[in-house]
């Protein structure tokens, strides 16, 4: 009987941990998606500025070229 109780307790522990990790992962995924949208919008605007909006990244002012070199 004791072995059965131990197995049930182990299953409860595993289920609890699985629920917690899935909850944490869901929260993390939601947070990441919000941050990714903000970062991607920032990257997109920087990319457009850096390339001067030209075709295939050709162009851009000297000032922008200097910024690129600093990075």
Protein backbone atom coordinates (compact mmCIF):
# COMPACT_ATOMS: atom_id res chain seq x y z
CA UNK A 1 0.00 0.00 0.00
CA UNK A 2 2.84 2.37 0.85
CA UNK A 3 4.38 2.03 -2.61
CA UNK A 4 1.10 3.01 -4.23
CA UNK A 5 0.88 6.12 -2.03
CA UNK A 6 4.45 7.06 -2.93
CA UNK A 7 3.69 6.75 -6.64
CA UNK A 8 0.58 8.89 -6.29
CA UNK A 9 2.53 11.52 -4.36
CA UNK A 10 5.24 11.50 -7.02
CA UNK A 11 2.63 11.91 -9.75
CA UNK A 12 1.07 14.86 -7.88
CA UNK A 13 4.48 16.50 -7.53
CA UNK A 14 5.28 16.02 -11.21
CA UNK A 15 1.86 17.33 -12.29
CA UNK A 16 2.23 20.39 -10.06
CA UNK A 17 5.71 21.12 -11.43
CA UNK A 18 4.56 20.58 -15.03
CA UNK A 19 1.67 23.00 -14.53
CA UNK A 20 3.99 25.57 -12.99
CA UNK A 21 6.57 25.30 -15.78
CA UNK A 22 3.91 25.51 -18.49
CA UNK A 23 2.44 28.57 -16.76
CA UNK A 24 5.92 30.15 -16.52
CA UNK A 25 6.69 29.34 -20.14
CA UNK A 26 3.37 30.81 -21.28
CA UNK A 27 4.04 34.01 -19.33
CA UNK A 28 7.58 34.20 -20.69
CA UNK A 29 6.37 33.64 -24.26
CA UNK A 30 3.78 36.40 -23.91
CA UNK A 31 6.36 38.80 -22.46
CA UNK A 32 8.86 37.89 -25.15
CA UNK A 33 6.35 38.49 -27.93
CA UNK A 34 5.58 41.98 -26.55
CA UNK A 35 9.28 42.79 -26.30
CA UNK A 36 10.04 41.32 -29.73
CA UNK A 37 7.43 43.54 -31.36
CA UNK A 38 8.94 46.62 -29.73
CA UNK A 39 12.50 45.55 -30.58
CA UNK A 40 11.62 44.67 -34.16
CA UNK A 41 9.93 48.04 -34.67
CA UNK A 42 13.03 49.75 -33.30
CA UNK A 43 15.34 47.67 -35.47
CA UNK A 44 13.25 48.35 -38.55
CA UNK A 45 13.35 52.11 -38.04
CA UNK A 46 17.11 52.02 -37.36
CA UNK A 47 17.69 49.91 -40.48
CA UNK A 48 15.75 52.35 -42.64
CA UNK A 49 17.69 55.30 -41.21
CA UNK A 50 21.03 53.52 -41.61
CA UNK A 51 20.47 52.60 -45.24
CA UNK A 52 18.94 55.95 -46.09
CA UNK A 53 15.87 54.15 -47.41
CA UNK A 54 17.74 53.31 -50.61
CA UNK A 55 17.52 50.12 -52.63
CA UNK A 56 19.48 47.24 -51.12
CA UNK A 57 21.18 49.31 -48.43
CA UNK A 58 23.07 51.51 -50.86
CA UNK A 59 23.63 55.08 -49.73
CA UNK A 60 23.19 56.83 -46.42
CA UNK A 61 24.89 60.01 -45.28
CA UNK A 62 28.47 60.20 -44.04
CA UNK A 63 27.18 60.72 -40.52
CA UNK A 64 25.26 57.44 -40.71
CA UNK A 65 28.35 55.68 -42.10
CA UNK A 66 30.35 56.93 -39.08
CA UNK A 67 27.68 55.64 -36.70
CA UNK A 68 27.85 52.26 -38.42
CA UNK A 69 31.63 52.15 -38.03
CA UNK A 70 31.38 52.98 -34.32
CA UNK A 71 29.11 49.97 -33.79
